[in-house]
Amino acid sequence: MTADLTAPTTDRTNLDPPGGSTPDGSWDRTLAILAAVVAVADLAIQPLAGLIPPLLAFGVLGLAGVAVLPRRPKVGRIGLLVVSLLGTAGGAPFALAGLAHPESPIDFVHGVTSLPLRVVVMVAAVAALRGASTGARRTRVVALGSLAGLVVVAVVSSFVVGSSVAADPGDVVLRTEGAVFVDGDQLAVATGERLVVDNADPFRHTFTIEDAGVDVEIPAGRTVEVPLDLQPGTYDYICAVPGHEAMTGTLEVGA
């Protein structure tokens, strides 16, 4: 008796993607796309804001997890889940600082990808490990759509929130460029002089004198006056943005 080779076959279990999710909406695809966005954001911030080792490590490990995912799905899912957990904990100081300042688009957008989007990556990893078959496409679309909307908010905020001051003749001008206080150890202000900080970087800084209660936000690309009510003397100042620990200087306040 000859088998009927034309009969339709309904049992395609071995051909189904892992977890039973459809090719156009699988959780693995959602996981790969969102994890790649987060990893690229962690790496892209490096040349802009200076080397931040924890974020560099998370970015490299994230891309490695994305690369492993198609060949060894379970290993890739677990790896991306662990990287996202560590990244959420270790990257929280950087992310929260950025989220608080939509007027500095680079900081804000990285804050969004470093925290909220990383949480969505963890959700996708767990869903893929559990073999969930629905919700992947919607999660991906909502997450990426929200990210795009927040990017627009950040760009608009950079134009409408806050303003720059103009440096007048006689003002003492401190310039930040390349995540460095330019000539920061030669800063001197006499009584009656005004100190302004010109931020030439595309990301935020602060001018902070911890012992004197001075903490002034310097948004990306802005020039800001630093009010000083200090006794004559020498003061150490820093940029208090996480990852900018190398930005230090000395202020000499004259009589």
Protein backbone atom coordinates (compact mmCIF):
# COMPACT_ATOMS: atom_id res chain seq x y z
CA MET A 1 0.00 0.00 0.00
CA THR A 2 1.45 3.38 -1.03
CA ALA A 3 1.32 6.34 1.35
CA ASP A 4 -0.62 9.35 0.16
CA LEU A 5 2.07 12.04 -0.18
CA THR A 6 -0.47 14.66 -1.23
CA ALA A 7 -2.39 14.61 2.03
CA PRO A 8 -2.05 17.89 3.99
CA THR A 9 0.07 17.74 7.10
CA THR A 10 -1.15 19.64 10.12
CA ASP A 11 1.47 18.53 12.63
CA ARG A 12 4.31 21.04 12.17
CA THR A 13 5.55 21.04 15.75
CA ASN A 14 9.19 20.56 14.81
CA LEU A 15 9.09 23.48 12.40
CA ASP A 16 7.52 25.97 14.76
CA PRO A 17 9.76 28.65 16.26
CA PRO A 18 10.80 28.03 19.88
CA GLY A 19 7.97 28.84 22.27
CA GLY A 20 5.37 28.51 19.52
CA SER A 21 5.47 32.22 18.66
CA THR A 22 4.88 33.31 15.10
CA PRO A 23 7.79 34.39 12.87
CA ASP A 24 6.45 37.92 12.50
CA GLY A 25 5.90 38.48 16.20
CA SER A 26 8.21 36.21 18.14
CA TRP A 27 9.49 37.22 21.53
CA ASP A 28 13.00 36.37 20.38
CA ARG A 29 12.73 38.96 17.62
CA THR A 30 11.38 41.54 20.06
CA LEU A 31 14.12 40.66 22.54
CA ALA A 32 16.85 40.98 19.90
CA ILE A 33 15.63 44.34 18.57
CA LEU A 34 15.13 46.00 21.95
CA ALA A 35 18.35 44.59 23.42
CA ALA A 36 20.27 45.85 20.39
CA VAL A 37 18.80 49.36 20.82
CA VAL A 38 19.87 49.43 24.47
CA ALA A 39 23.36 48.11 23.71
CA VAL A 40 23.93 50.61 20.89
CA ALA A 41 22.83 53.44 23.20
CA ASP A 42 25.33 52.31 25.85
CA LEU A 43 28.13 52.24 23.28
CA ALA A 44 27.14 55.44 21.46
CA ILE A 45 27.33 57.50 24.64
CA GLN A 46 31.03 56.64 25.06
CA PRO A 47 32.56 58.95 22.41
CA LEU A 48 30.08 61.68 23.34
CA ALA A 49 30.31 61.70 27.13
CA GLY A 50 33.70 60.10 27.65
CA LEU A 51 34.55 56.54 28.61
CA ILE A 52 32.10 55.12 31.16
CA PRO A 53 33.36 51.56 31.83
CA PRO A 54 30.13 50.06 33.27
CA LEU A 55 28.05 51.23 30.31
CA LEU A 56 30.75 50.08 27.88
CA ALA A 57 30.66 46.60 29.42
CA PHE A 58 26.85 46.44 29.30
CA GLY A 59 26.87 47.51 25.64
CA VAL A 60 29.41 44.89 24.57
CA LEU A 61 27.70 42.11 26.55
CA GLY A 62 24.32 43.14 25.16
CA LEU A 63 25.48 42.86 21.55
CA ALA A 64 27.12 39.53 22.35
CA GLY A 65 23.80 38.25 23.70
CA VAL A 66 21.98 39.41 20.57
CA ALA A 67 24.56 37.60 18.40
CA VAL A 68 24.17 34.35 20.37
CA LEU A 69 20.36 34.43 20.42
CA PRO A 70 19.66 32.97 16.91
CA ARG A 71 22.09 30.07 17.35
CA ARG A 72 21.49 29.20 21.00
CA PRO A 73 18.15 30.77 21.96
CA LYS A 74 18.04 29.69 25.59
CA VAL A 75 21.60 30.83 26.28
CA GLY A 76 20.92 34.14 24.53
CA ARG A 77 17.70 34.75 26.45
CA ILE A 78 19.28 34.02 29.82
CA GLY A 79 22.36 36.07 28.95
CA LEU A 80 20.31 39.11 27.91
CA LEU A 81 18.14 38.77 31.01
CA VAL A 82 21.20 38.77 33.27
CA VAL A 83 22.87 41.66 31.41
CA SER A 84 19.64 43.68 31.64
CA LEU A 85 19.30 42.99 35.36
CA LEU A 86 22.89 44.07 35.99
CA GLY A 87 22.50 47.03 33.66
CA THR A 88 19.35 48.20 35.42
CA ALA A 89 21.09 48.10 38.79
CA GLY A 90 24.50 49.37 37.71
CA GLY A 91 23.24 51.91 35.20
CA ALA A 92 20.52 53.41 37.40
CA PRO A 93 22.61 56.41 38.57
CA PHE A 94 23.39 57.37 34.95
CA ALA A 95 19.83 56.76 33.75
CA LEU A 96 18.06 58.63 36.56
CA ALA A 97 20.37 61.61 36.15
CA GLY A 98 19.55 61.76 32.44
CA LEU A 99 15.80 61.27 32.86
CA ALA A 100 15.64 64.33 35.10
CA HIS A 101 16.97 66.60 32.35
CA PRO A 102 14.99 66.49 29.07
CA GLU A 103 16.61 69.82 28.11
CA SER A 104 19.80 67.85 27.40
CA PRO A 105 18.63 65.41 24.68
CA ILE A 106 21.58 63.00 24.69
CA ASP A 107 21.40 62.50 28.45
CA PHE A 108 17.61 62.16 28.41
CA VAL A 109 17.41 59.69 25.52
CA HIS A 110 20.15 57.55 27.01
CA GLY A 111 18.30 57.62 30.32
CA VAL A 112 15.19 56.28 28.59
CA THR A 113 17.06 53.44 26.89
CA SER A 114 19.13 52.65 29.97
CA LEU A 115 16.25 52.15 32.38
CA PRO A 116 12.66 51.86 31.06
CA LEU A 117 13.64 50.10 27.82
CA ARG A 118 15.99 47.76 29.69
CA VAL A 119 13.05 46.72 31.86
CA VAL A 120 11.09 45.86 28.69
CA VAL A 121 14.06 43.76 27.53
CA MET A 122 13.78 41.76 30.75
CA VAL A 123 10.06 41.25 30.15
CA ALA A 124 10.78 40.01 26.61
CA ALA A 125 13.49 37.64 27.84
CA VAL A 126 11.19 36.11 30.46
CA ALA A 127 8.35 35.79 27.92
CA ALA A 128 10.66 34.03 25.45
CA LEU A 129 11.94 31.65 28.13
CA ARG A 130 8.37 30.79 29.12
CA GLY A 131 7.35 30.16 25.52
CA ALA A 132 4.73 32.92 25.37
CA SER A 133 3.01 33.07 21.99
CA THR A 134 1.25 36.44 22.10
CA GLY A 135 2.05 40.06 22.83
CA ALA A 136 5.53 40.23 21.32
CA ARG A 137 4.72 42.41 18.34
CA ARG A 138 2.58 44.81 20.37
CA THR A 139 5.28 45.12 23.03
CA ARG A 140 7.90 45.88 20.39
CA VAL A 141 5.78 48.48 18.62
CA VAL A 142 4.74 50.23 21.84
CA ALA A 143 8.30 50.28 23.22
CA LEU A 144 9.90 51.64 20.05
CA GLY A 145 7.04 54.07 19.46
CA SER A 146 7.33 55.41 23.00
CA LEU A 147 11.08 55.78 22.57
CA ALA A 148 10.59 57.75 19.35
CA GLY A 149 8.06 60.00 21.07
CA LEU A 150 10.41 60.68 23.96
CA VAL A 151 13.19 61.56 21.53
CA VAL A 152 10.90 64.20 20.03
CA VAL A 153 10.09 65.50 23.53
CA ALA A 154 13.79 65.76 24.32
CA VAL A 155 14.61 67.63 21.12
CA VAL A 156 11.73 70.08 21.63
CA SER A 157 12.67 70.57 25.29
CA SER A 158 16.23 71.41 24.33
CA PHE A 159 14.88 74.48 22.50
CA VAL A 160 12.16 75.64 24.89
CA VAL A 161 13.46 74.79 28.37
CA GLY A 162 15.92 77.23 29.89
CA SER A 163 18.13 79.72 28.10
CA SER A 164 21.73 80.82 27.78
CA VAL A 165 23.22 84.01 29.14
CA ALA A 166 25.59 86.17 27.16
CA ALA A 167 29.07 86.59 28.58
CA ASP A 168 29.83 90.28 29.07
CA PRO A 169 33.26 91.91 28.94
CA GLY A 170 34.88 91.45 32.31
CA ASP A 171 33.09 88.19 33.07
CA VAL A 172 35.16 85.16 34.03
CA VAL A 173 34.29 82.41 31.55
CA LEU A 174 34.90 78.73 32.28
CA ARG A 175 34.52 76.47 29.25
CA THR A 176 33.68 72.77 29.25
CA GLU A 177 34.68 70.80 26.19
CA GLY A 178 35.29 67.10 25.68
CA ALA A 179 34.14 66.40 29.26
CA VAL A 180 36.94 68.60 30.61
CA PHE A 181 36.96 71.94 32.42
CA VAL A 182 39.30 73.85 30.09
CA ASP A 183 42.04 75.52 32.18
CA GLY A 184 39.98 74.54 35.22
CA ASP A 185 42.90 74.85 37.64
CA GLN A 186 43.49 78.47 36.67
CA LEU A 187 40.04 79.78 37.55
CA ALA A 188 40.04 82.96 39.62
CA VAL A 189 37.16 85.29 40.43
CA ALA A 190 37.53 88.62 42.22
CA THR A 191 34.85 90.45 44.16
CA GLY A 192 32.34 91.97 41.76
CA GLU A 193 33.19 89.67 38.86
CA ARG A 194 30.65 87.30 37.40
CA LEU A 195 31.41 83.64 36.68
CA VAL A 196 29.73 82.01 33.69
CA VAL A 197 30.19 78.44 32.45
CA ASP A 198 30.05 77.83 28.70
CA ASN A 199 29.14 74.19 28.00
CA ALA A 200 30.39 73.34 24.51
CA ASP A 201 29.53 69.66 24.94
CA PRO A 202 26.35 68.01 23.59
CA PHE A 203 25.57 66.67 27.08
CA ARG A 204 24.96 68.18 30.51
CA HIS A 205 27.41 69.13 33.23
CA THR A 206 27.22 70.74 36.65
CA PHE A 207 29.40 73.25 38.45
CA THR A 208 29.45 71.95 41.99
CA ILE A 209 31.34 73.05 45.10
CA GLU A 210 30.21 70.44 47.58
CA ASP A 211 31.48 72.10 50.75
CA ALA A 212 29.94 75.47 49.87
CA GLY A 213 26.49 74.39 48.71
CA VAL A 214 27.08 75.49 45.11
CA ASP A 215 25.42 73.20 42.56
CA VAL A 216 24.47 74.72 39.21
CA GLU A 217 23.10 72.76 36.26
CA ILE A 218 24.80 73.44 32.92
CA PRO A 219 22.57 72.02 30.14
CA ALA A 220 24.04 70.82 26.87
CA GLY A 221 25.20 73.66 24.63
CA ARG A 222 24.23 76.39 27.12
CA THR A 223 26.05 79.22 28.87
CA VAL A 224 24.96 79.64 32.48
CA GLU A 225 25.79 82.12 35.23
CA VAL A 226 27.08 80.62 38.47
CA PRO A 227 25.95 82.72 41.46
CA LEU A 228 28.76 82.92 43.98
CA ASP A 229 28.51 84.15 47.55
CA LEU A 230 31.78 82.83 48.91
CA GLN A 231 34.39 84.06 51.30
CA PRO A 232 37.83 84.69 49.80
CA GLY A 233 39.77 81.47 49.53
CA THR A 234 40.41 78.40 47.42
CA TYR A 235 37.63 75.97 46.55
CA ASP A 236 37.62 72.63 44.75
CA TYR A 237 34.81 72.19 42.26
CA ILE A 238 33.58 69.20 40.25
CA CYS A 239 31.01 68.09 37.72
CA ALA A 240 28.57 65.95 39.71
CA VAL A 241 27.13 64.10 36.69
CA PRO A 242 27.68 60.32 37.12
CA GLY A 243 30.57 59.23 34.94
CA HIS A 244 32.21 62.68 34.95
CA GLU A 245 34.29 62.11 38.07
CA ALA A 246 37.45 63.20 36.25
CA MET A 247 36.04 66.71 35.75
CA THR A 248 37.57 68.70 38.60
CA GLY A 249 39.11 72.13 39.07
CA THR A 250 40.13 74.77 41.56
CA LEU A 251 38.47 78.15 42.06
CA GLU A 252 40.34 81.03 43.68
CA VAL A 253 38.00 83.66 45.13
CA GLY A 254 39.75 86.96 45.71
CA ALA A 255 38.89 89.82 48.03
